[in-house]
Amino acid sequence: MEILPTLSTFFIILSAILMAIGWKLIIKKRYKAHKKTMIAAAISALFFFIIYISRTIFIGNTSFGGPEELKVYYTIFLIFHIILATTGAIFGVVTLTLALKRNIKKHQKIGPITSVIWFFTAITGVAVYLLLYIFYKGGETTSLLKAILGT
């Protein structure tokens, strides 16, 4: 299942691109196109999450396989990315919920913040992918279920 990290990274990049398009559409006051594009961005991010969480549960996470002297920097960067991604996901759900409930004033306030967080999440996510699978050979992959069940 070596394709899963590439596939999940594709979806997170797609979500960021769609978000950028949605941002441009709202500036042009193309509200219906903005709504459709942002929903597509959210669906793309959801596909990323489903692939990522499925891979984490059933296959596992890949440890950093690069030089030992870079491991601490990678770990700090990864923690930053995880915090950013978690924050971005929460902001994303809140922003989308506000829009769907037609609470446009609050949506307009939080939307730009959410977008910026999501762009940085996508950029740092791609960097993690590159460090784990492109620049260096990934380290050990351990299944979360195996770790929990001890099998």
N, C-alpha and C. Protein backbone atom coordinates (compact mmCIF):
# COMPACT_ATOMS: atom_id res chain seq x y z
N MET A 1 0.82 -1.20 0.00
CA MET A 1 0.00 0.00 0.00
C MET A 1 0.86 1.26 0.00
N GLU A 2 1.96 1.20 -0.72
CA GLU A 2 2.89 2.34 -0.76
C GLU A 2 2.28 3.56 -1.44
N ILE A 3 1.20 3.38 -2.16
CA ILE A 3 0.56 4.49 -2.87
C ILE A 3 -0.24 5.39 -1.91
N LEU A 4 -0.64 4.88 -0.74
CA LEU A 4 -1.51 5.63 0.16
C LEU A 4 -0.93 6.97 0.62
N PRO A 5 0.35 7.05 1.02
CA PRO A 5 0.87 8.37 1.39
C PRO A 5 0.83 9.37 0.23
N THR A 6 1.13 8.89 -0.97
CA THR A 6 1.09 9.77 -2.14
C THR A 6 -0.35 10.20 -2.41
N LEU A 7 -1.27 9.28 -2.31
CA LEU A 7 -2.69 9.58 -2.54
C LEU A 7 -3.22 10.57 -1.51
N SER A 8 -2.91 10.35 -0.25
CA SER A 8 -3.39 11.26 0.78
C SER A 8 -2.77 12.65 0.62
N THR A 9 -1.49 12.70 0.24
CA THR A 9 -0.83 13.99 0.00
C THR A 9 -1.47 14.70 -1.19
N PHE A 10 -1.83 13.95 -2.22
CA PHE A 10 -2.53 14.53 -3.36
C PHE A 10 -3.81 15.23 -2.91
N PHE A 11 -4.59 14.57 -2.05
CA PHE A 11 -5.86 15.14 -1.62
C PHE A 11 -5.67 16.39 -0.75
N ILE A 12 -4.61 16.43 0.05
CA ILE A 12 -4.40 17.62 0.87
C ILE A 12 -3.94 18.78 0.00
N ILE A 13 -3.14 18.50 -1.03
CA ILE A 13 -2.74 19.55 -1.97
C ILE A 13 -3.97 20.03 -2.74
N LEU A 14 -4.80 19.10 -3.18
CA LEU A 14 -6.02 19.46 -3.90
C LEU A 14 -6.91 20.35 -3.04
N SER A 15 -7.04 20.01 -1.76
CA SER A 15 -7.88 20.82 -0.88
C SER A 15 -7.34 22.25 -0.76
N ALA A 16 -6.03 22.39 -0.69
CA ALA A 16 -5.43 23.73 -0.60
C ALA A 16 -5.63 24.52 -1.89
N ILE A 17 -5.49 23.85 -3.03
CA ILE A 17 -5.71 24.52 -4.31
C ILE A 17 -7.16 24.96 -4.43
N LEU A 18 -8.08 24.08 -4.07
CA LEU A 18 -9.51 24.42 -4.12
C LEU A 18 -9.83 25.57 -3.16
N MET A 19 -9.18 25.57 -2.01
CA MET A 19 -9.40 26.66 -1.06
C MET A 19 -8.92 27.98 -1.64
N ALA A 20 -7.79 27.97 -2.32
CA ALA A 20 -7.27 29.19 -2.95
C ALA A 20 -8.24 29.68 -4.03
N ILE A 21 -8.77 28.74 -4.80
CA ILE A 21 -9.76 29.10 -5.83
C ILE A 21 -11.01 29.68 -5.17
N GLY A 22 -11.45 29.03 -4.09
CA GLY A 22 -12.62 29.52 -3.36
C GLY A 22 -12.42 30.91 -2.80
N TRP A 23 -11.22 31.18 -2.34
CA TRP A 23 -10.88 32.49 -1.80
C TRP A 23 -10.99 33.55 -2.92
N LYS A 24 -10.46 33.21 -4.08
CA LYS A 24 -10.53 34.13 -5.22
C LYS A 24 -11.99 34.35 -5.64
N LEU A 25 -12.78 33.29 -5.62
CA LEU A 25 -14.20 33.41 -6.00
C LEU A 25 -14.98 34.32 -5.05
N ILE A 26 -14.69 34.24 -3.77
CA ILE A 26 -15.42 35.08 -2.82
C ILE A 26 -15.03 36.53 -2.98
N ILE A 27 -13.77 36.79 -3.32
CA ILE A 27 -13.33 38.16 -3.58
C ILE A 27 -14.09 38.74 -4.77
N LYS A 28 -14.37 37.87 -5.74
CA LYS A 28 -15.12 38.29 -6.93
C LYS A 28 -16.64 38.26 -6.70
N LYS A 29 -17.04 37.96 -5.47
CA LYS A 29 -18.46 37.90 -5.08
C LYS A 29 -19.24 36.85 -5.87
N ARG A 30 -18.58 35.77 -6.21
CA ARG A 30 -19.24 34.65 -6.89
C ARG A 30 -19.59 33.62 -5.82
N TYR A 31 -20.65 33.91 -5.08
CA TYR A 31 -21.01 33.18 -3.87
C TYR A 31 -21.32 31.71 -4.11
N LYS A 32 -22.11 31.40 -5.13
CA LYS A 32 -22.47 30.00 -5.38
C LYS A 32 -21.25 29.18 -5.78
N ALA A 33 -20.40 29.75 -6.63
CA ALA A 33 -19.18 29.06 -7.04
C ALA A 33 -18.24 28.88 -5.85
N HIS A 34 -18.18 29.90 -5.00
CA HIS A 34 -17.37 29.84 -3.77
C HIS A 34 -17.84 28.68 -2.89
N LYS A 35 -19.15 28.61 -2.68
CA LYS A 35 -19.71 27.56 -1.83
C LYS A 35 -19.38 26.18 -2.39
N LYS A 36 -19.59 25.96 -3.68
CA LYS A 36 -19.30 24.66 -4.29
C LYS A 36 -17.82 24.31 -4.19
N THR A 37 -16.98 25.29 -4.44
CA THR A 37 -15.54 25.05 -4.41
C THR A 37 -15.07 24.74 -2.99
N MET A 38 -15.59 25.46 -2.01
CA MET A 38 -15.16 25.22 -0.64
C MET A 38 -15.68 23.88 -0.11
N ILE A 39 -16.86 23.49 -0.55
CA ILE A 39 -17.36 22.16 -0.18
C ILE A 39 -16.46 21.09 -0.82
N ALA A 40 -16.06 21.30 -2.06
CA ALA A 40 -15.13 20.36 -2.72
C ALA A 40 -13.80 20.32 -1.98
N ALA A 41 -13.34 21.47 -1.50
CA ALA A 41 -12.09 21.51 -0.72
C ALA A 41 -12.24 20.71 0.57
N ALA A 42 -13.39 20.87 1.22
CA ALA A 42 -13.65 20.13 2.46
C ALA A 42 -13.74 18.63 2.20
N ILE A 43 -14.38 18.24 1.11
CA ILE A 43 -14.47 16.82 0.75
C ILE A 43 -13.08 16.25 0.45
N SER A 44 -12.27 17.03 -0.25
CA SER A 44 -10.89 16.60 -0.54
C SER A 44 -10.11 16.41 0.77
N ALA A 45 -10.26 17.34 1.70
CA ALA A 45 -9.59 17.21 3.00
C ALA A 45 -10.12 16.00 3.76
N LEU A 46 -11.41 15.72 3.63
CA LEU A 46 -11.99 14.54 4.27
C LEU A 46 -11.42 13.25 3.66
N PHE A 47 -11.27 13.22 2.33
CA PHE A 47 -10.64 12.06 1.69
C PHE A 47 -9.23 11.86 2.22
N PHE A 48 -8.49 12.97 2.35
CA PHE A 48 -7.15 12.88 2.93
C PHE A 48 -7.23 12.22 4.30
N PHE A 49 -8.12 12.72 5.14
CA PHE A 49 -8.22 12.23 6.51
C PHE A 49 -8.60 10.76 6.56
N ILE A 50 -9.55 10.35 5.73
CA ILE A 50 -9.97 8.95 5.70
C ILE A 50 -8.81 8.04 5.30
N ILE A 51 -8.08 8.43 4.27
CA ILE A 51 -6.93 7.63 3.83
C ILE A 51 -5.86 7.62 4.92
N TYR A 52 -5.58 8.78 5.48
CA TYR A 52 -4.53 8.88 6.50
C TYR A 52 -4.87 8.05 7.73
N ILE A 53 -6.08 8.20 8.24
CA ILE A 53 -6.45 7.49 9.47
C ILE A 53 -6.56 5.98 9.22
N SER A 54 -7.06 5.59 8.04
CA SER A 54 -7.12 4.16 7.71
C SER A 54 -5.73 3.56 7.64
N ARG A 55 -4.83 4.26 6.99
CA ARG A 55 -3.45 3.78 6.89
C ARG A 55 -2.82 3.70 8.28
N THR A 56 -3.07 4.72 9.10
CA THR A 56 -2.50 4.73 10.45
C THR A 56 -2.99 3.55 11.27
N ILE A 57 -4.29 3.26 11.18
CA ILE A 57 -4.87 2.18 11.99
C ILE A 57 -4.45 0.80 11.47
N PHE A 58 -4.56 0.59 10.16
CA PHE A 58 -4.37 -0.75 9.62
C PHE A 58 -2.94 -1.07 9.17
N ILE A 59 -2.19 -0.08 8.77
CA ILE A 59 -0.82 -0.33 8.30
C ILE A 59 0.18 0.25 9.28
N GLY A 60 -0.05 1.46 9.72
CA GLY A 60 0.81 2.10 10.70
C GLY A 60 1.39 3.40 10.19
N ASN A 61 2.20 3.99 11.01
CA ASN A 61 2.90 5.21 10.66
C ASN A 61 4.35 4.89 10.38
N THR A 62 4.92 5.65 9.46
CA THR A 62 6.31 5.45 9.07
C THR A 62 7.18 6.41 9.87
N SER A 63 8.21 5.86 10.49
CA SER A 63 9.13 6.70 11.24
C SER A 63 10.13 7.36 10.30
N PHE A 64 10.78 8.40 10.78
CA PHE A 64 11.77 9.12 9.99
C PHE A 64 12.96 8.22 9.72
N GLY A 65 13.34 8.12 8.46
CA GLY A 65 14.45 7.25 8.08
C GLY A 65 15.70 8.00 7.67
N GLY A 66 15.67 9.30 7.86
CA GLY A 66 16.82 10.12 7.48
C GLY A 66 17.93 10.05 8.51
N PRO A 67 18.94 10.89 8.32
CA PRO A 67 20.08 10.90 9.24
C PRO A 67 19.67 11.15 10.69
N GLU A 68 20.31 10.44 11.58
CA GLU A 68 20.00 10.53 13.01
C GLU A 68 20.11 11.97 13.53
N GLU A 69 21.08 12.73 13.02
CA GLU A 69 21.27 14.11 13.50
C GLU A 69 20.12 15.05 13.09
N LEU A 70 19.29 14.63 12.12
CA LEU A 70 18.14 15.43 11.70
C LEU A 70 16.84 15.00 12.38
N LYS A 71 16.88 13.87 13.07
CA LYS A 71 15.66 13.30 13.64
C LYS A 71 14.97 14.25 14.62
N VAL A 72 15.72 14.91 15.48
CA VAL A 72 15.12 15.82 16.46
C VAL A 72 14.44 16.99 15.75
N TYR A 73 15.05 17.50 14.69
CA TYR A 73 14.46 18.61 13.93
C TYR A 73 13.20 18.14 13.20
N TYR A 74 13.27 16.94 12.64
CA TYR A 74 12.09 16.37 11.97
C TYR A 74 10.96 16.21 12.98
N THR A 75 11.26 15.69 14.16
CA THR A 75 10.24 15.46 15.18
C THR A 75 9.58 16.77 15.61
N ILE A 76 10.38 17.80 15.82
CA ILE A 76 9.84 19.11 16.19
C ILE A 76 8.95 19.63 15.06
N PHE A 77 9.41 19.50 13.82
CA PHE A 77 8.63 19.93 12.66
C PHE A 77 7.34 19.14 12.56
N LEU A 78 7.40 17.83 12.78
CA LEU A 78 6.21 16.98 12.72
C LEU A 78 5.20 17.38 13.80
N ILE A 79 5.67 17.65 15.00
CA ILE A 79 4.77 18.08 16.08
C ILE A 79 4.10 19.40 15.70
N PHE A 80 4.88 20.33 15.14
CA PHE A 80 4.32 21.60 14.66
C PHE A 80 3.24 21.33 13.61
N HIS A 81 3.52 20.44 12.66
CA HIS A 81 2.56 20.10 11.62
C HIS A 81 1.28 19.49 12.21
N ILE A 82 1.43 18.59 13.16
CA ILE A 82 0.27 17.93 13.78
C ILE A 82 -0.60 18.95 14.51
N ILE A 83 0.02 19.86 15.24
CA ILE A 83 -0.73 20.91 15.94
C ILE A 83 -1.45 21.80 14.93
N LEU A 84 -0.74 22.17 13.88
CA LEU A 84 -1.32 23.00 12.82
C LEU A 84 -2.49 22.28 12.14
N ALA A 85 -2.31 20.99 11.83
CA ALA A 85 -3.35 20.21 11.15
C ALA A 85 -4.58 20.05 12.04
N THR A 86 -4.37 19.80 13.31
CA THR A 86 -5.48 19.65 14.24
C THR A 86 -6.24 20.97 14.37
N THR A 87 -5.50 22.05 14.53
CA THR A 87 -6.11 23.38 14.61
C THR A 87 -6.86 23.70 13.33
N GLY A 88 -6.23 23.41 12.18
CA GLY A 88 -6.86 23.67 10.89
C GLY A 88 -8.14 22.86 10.70
N ALA A 89 -8.12 21.62 11.15
CA ALA A 89 -9.32 20.78 11.02
C ALA A 89 -10.46 21.33 11.87
N ILE A 90 -10.15 21.73 13.09
CA ILE A 90 -11.18 22.29 13.97
C ILE A 90 -11.72 23.59 13.37
N PHE A 91 -10.82 24.47 12.95
CA PHE A 91 -11.25 25.72 12.32
C PHE A 91 -12.07 25.43 11.06
N GLY A 92 -11.66 24.43 10.29
CA GLY A 92 -12.37 24.08 9.07
C GLY A 92 -13.79 23.64 9.33
N VAL A 93 -13.97 22.78 10.32
CA VAL A 93 -15.32 22.31 10.67
C VAL A 93 -16.18 23.48 11.15
N VAL A 94 -15.60 24.32 12.00
CA VAL A 94 -16.35 25.47 12.52
C VAL A 94 -16.71 26.42 11.37
N THR A 95 -15.76 26.72 10.51
CA THR A 95 -15.99 27.64 9.40
C THR A 95 -17.05 27.10 8.45
N LEU A 96 -16.96 25.83 8.12
CA LEU A 96 -17.95 25.21 7.23
C LEU A 96 -19.33 25.19 7.89
N THR A 97 -19.38 24.87 9.16
CA THR A 97 -20.65 24.85 9.89
C THR A 97 -21.29 26.24 9.91
N LEU A 98 -20.49 27.26 10.18
CA LEU A 98 -21.01 28.62 10.19
C LEU A 98 -21.60 28.98 8.83
N ALA A 99 -20.92 28.60 7.76
CA ALA A 99 -21.41 28.91 6.41
C ALA A 99 -22.70 28.17 6.12
N LEU A 100 -22.75 26.89 6.46
CA LEU A 100 -23.94 26.09 6.17
C LEU A 100 -25.15 26.52 7.01
N LYS A 101 -24.88 27.08 8.18
CA LYS A 101 -25.96 27.60 9.03
C LYS A 101 -26.30 29.05 8.68
N ARG A 102 -25.62 29.56 7.64
CA ARG A 102 -25.85 30.92 7.13
C ARG A 102 -25.49 31.99 8.15
N ASN A 103 -24.54 31.69 9.03
CA ASN A 103 -24.01 32.69 9.96
C ASN A 103 -22.81 33.35 9.25
N ILE A 104 -23.13 34.14 8.26
CA ILE A 104 -22.13 34.66 7.32
C ILE A 104 -21.17 35.64 7.99
N LYS A 105 -21.64 36.46 8.91
CA LYS A 105 -20.76 37.44 9.58
C LYS A 105 -19.60 36.74 10.29
N LYS A 106 -19.92 35.71 11.08
CA LYS A 106 -18.87 34.97 11.78
C LYS A 106 -18.03 34.17 10.79
N HIS A 107 -18.68 33.62 9.77
CA HIS A 107 -17.96 32.87 8.73
C HIS A 107 -16.93 33.77 8.04
N GLN A 108 -17.32 35.01 7.76
CA GLN A 108 -16.41 35.94 7.10
C GLN A 108 -15.22 36.30 7.99
N LYS A 109 -15.42 36.31 9.28
CA LYS A 109 -14.33 36.64 10.21
C LYS A 109 -13.34 35.49 10.35
N ILE A 110 -13.87 34.28 10.46
CA ILE A 110 -13.01 33.12 10.73
C ILE A 110 -12.45 32.48 9.44
N GLY A 111 -13.15 32.66 8.32
CA GLY A 111 -12.74 32.03 7.06
C GLY A 111 -11.31 32.33 6.63
N PRO A 112 -10.91 33.60 6.61
CA PRO A 112 -9.52 33.89 6.21
C PRO A 112 -8.47 33.27 7.14
N ILE A 113 -8.77 33.24 8.43
CA ILE A 113 -7.85 32.61 9.39
C ILE A 113 -7.75 31.12 9.10
N THR A 114 -8.89 30.50 8.89
CA THR A 114 -8.92 29.07 8.56
C THR A 114 -8.12 28.78 7.30
N SER A 115 -8.29 29.60 6.30
CA SER A 115 -7.57 29.39 5.03
C SER A 115 -6.06 29.45 5.21
N VAL A 116 -5.60 30.44 5.95
CA VAL A 116 -4.16 30.58 6.17
C VAL A 116 -3.62 29.37 6.94
N ILE A 117 -4.33 28.97 7.98
CA ILE A 117 -3.90 27.79 8.74
C ILE A 117 -3.85 26.57 7.82
N TRP A 118 -4.87 26.42 6.98
CA TRP A 118 -4.93 25.25 6.10
C TRP A 118 -3.81 25.27 5.06
N PHE A 119 -3.49 26.45 4.52
CA PHE A 119 -2.39 26.53 3.56
C PHE A 119 -1.08 26.08 4.21
N PHE A 120 -0.82 26.56 5.42
CA PHE A 120 0.40 26.15 6.12
C PHE A 120 0.37 24.67 6.48
N THR A 121 -0.80 24.16 6.81
CA THR A 121 -0.93 22.72 7.08
C THR A 121 -0.58 21.92 5.83
N ALA A 122 -1.11 22.34 4.69
CA ALA A 122 -0.82 21.63 3.43
C ALA A 122 0.66 21.69 3.10
N ILE A 123 1.27 22.87 3.26
CA ILE A 123 2.70 23.02 2.95
C ILE A 123 3.55 22.15 3.87
N THR A 124 3.26 22.19 5.17
CA THR A 124 4.05 21.37 6.09
C THR A 124 3.77 19.89 5.89
N GLY A 125 2.53 19.55 5.49
CA GLY A 125 2.21 18.15 5.19
C GLY A 125 2.99 17.62 4.00
N VAL A 126 3.12 18.44 2.98
CA VAL A 126 3.92 18.04 1.82
C VAL A 126 5.38 17.90 2.23
N ALA A 127 5.86 18.79 3.09
CA ALA A 127 7.25 18.68 3.56
C ALA A 127 7.47 17.38 4.32
N VAL A 128 6.52 17.00 5.17
CA VAL A 128 6.62 15.73 5.90
C VAL A 128 6.66 14.57 4.91
N TYR A 129 5.77 14.59 3.93
CA TYR A 129 5.75 13.55 2.90
C TYR A 129 7.10 13.46 2.19
N LEU A 130 7.64 14.59 1.78
CA LEU A 130 8.93 14.61 1.08
C LEU A 130 10.04 14.04 1.96
N LEU A 131 10.04 14.42 3.24
CA LEU A 131 11.08 13.93 4.16
C LEU A 131 10.95 12.43 4.44
N LEU A 132 9.72 11.92 4.45
CA LEU A 132 9.51 10.50 4.76
C LEU A 132 9.66 9.58 3.56
N TYR A 133 9.28 10.07 2.38
CA TYR A 133 9.17 9.15 1.24
C TYR A 133 10.01 9.52 0.02
N ILE A 134 10.46 10.75 -0.07
CA ILE A 134 11.19 11.18 -1.26
C ILE A 134 12.66 11.43 -0.95
N PHE A 135 12.94 12.33 -0.02
CA PHE A 135 14.33 12.69 0.28
C PHE A 135 15.08 11.58 1.00
N TYR A 136 14.38 10.87 1.88
CA TYR A 136 14.98 9.78 2.64
C TYR A 136 14.07 8.57 2.56
N LYS A 137 14.67 7.40 2.70
CA LYS A 137 13.87 6.18 2.75
C LYS A 137 13.21 6.13 4.13
N GLY A 138 11.90 5.89 4.13
CA GLY A 138 11.16 5.85 5.39
C GLY A 138 11.71 4.81 6.34
N GLY A 139 11.53 5.08 7.61
CA GLY A 139 11.95 4.13 8.63
C GLY A 139 10.92 3.03 8.80
N GLU A 140 10.87 2.45 9.97
CA GLU A 140 9.96 1.35 10.27
C GLU A 140 8.51 1.82 10.27
N THR A 141 7.62 0.95 9.79
CA THR A 141 6.18 1.22 9.85
C THR A 141 5.55 0.17 10.75
N THR A 142 4.84 0.66 11.77
CA THR A 142 4.21 -0.24 12.74
C THR A 142 2.71 0.04 12.77
N SER A 143 1.93 -1.01 12.67
CA SER A 143 0.47 -0.89 12.72
C SER A 143 0.01 -0.47 14.11
N LEU A 144 -0.88 0.50 14.15
CA LEU A 144 -1.45 0.94 15.41
C LEU A 144 -2.20 -0.22 16.07
N LEU A 145 -2.97 -0.98 15.28
CA LEU A 145 -3.70 -2.13 15.85
C LEU A 145 -2.73 -3.15 16.42
N LYS A 146 -1.63 -3.42 15.71
CA LYS A 146 -0.64 -4.38 16.21
C LYS A 146 -0.03 -3.85 17.51
N ALA A 147 0.23 -2.56 17.54
CA ALA A 147 0.81 -1.98 18.74
C ALA A 147 -0.15 -2.08 19.92
N ILE A 148 -1.43 -1.81 19.68
CA ILE A 148 -2.43 -1.86 20.75
C ILE A 148 -2.70 -3.30 21.20
N LEU A 149 -2.88 -4.20 20.22
CA LEU A 149 -3.25 -5.58 20.54
C LEU A 149 -2.04 -6.47 20.87
N GLY A 150 -0.85 -5.96 20.59
CA GLY A 150 0.35 -6.72 20.87
C GLY A 150 0.54 -7.94 20.00
N THR A 151 -0.02 -7.93 18.76
CA THR A 151 0.14 -9.08 17.88
C THR A 151 1.25 -8.87 16.88
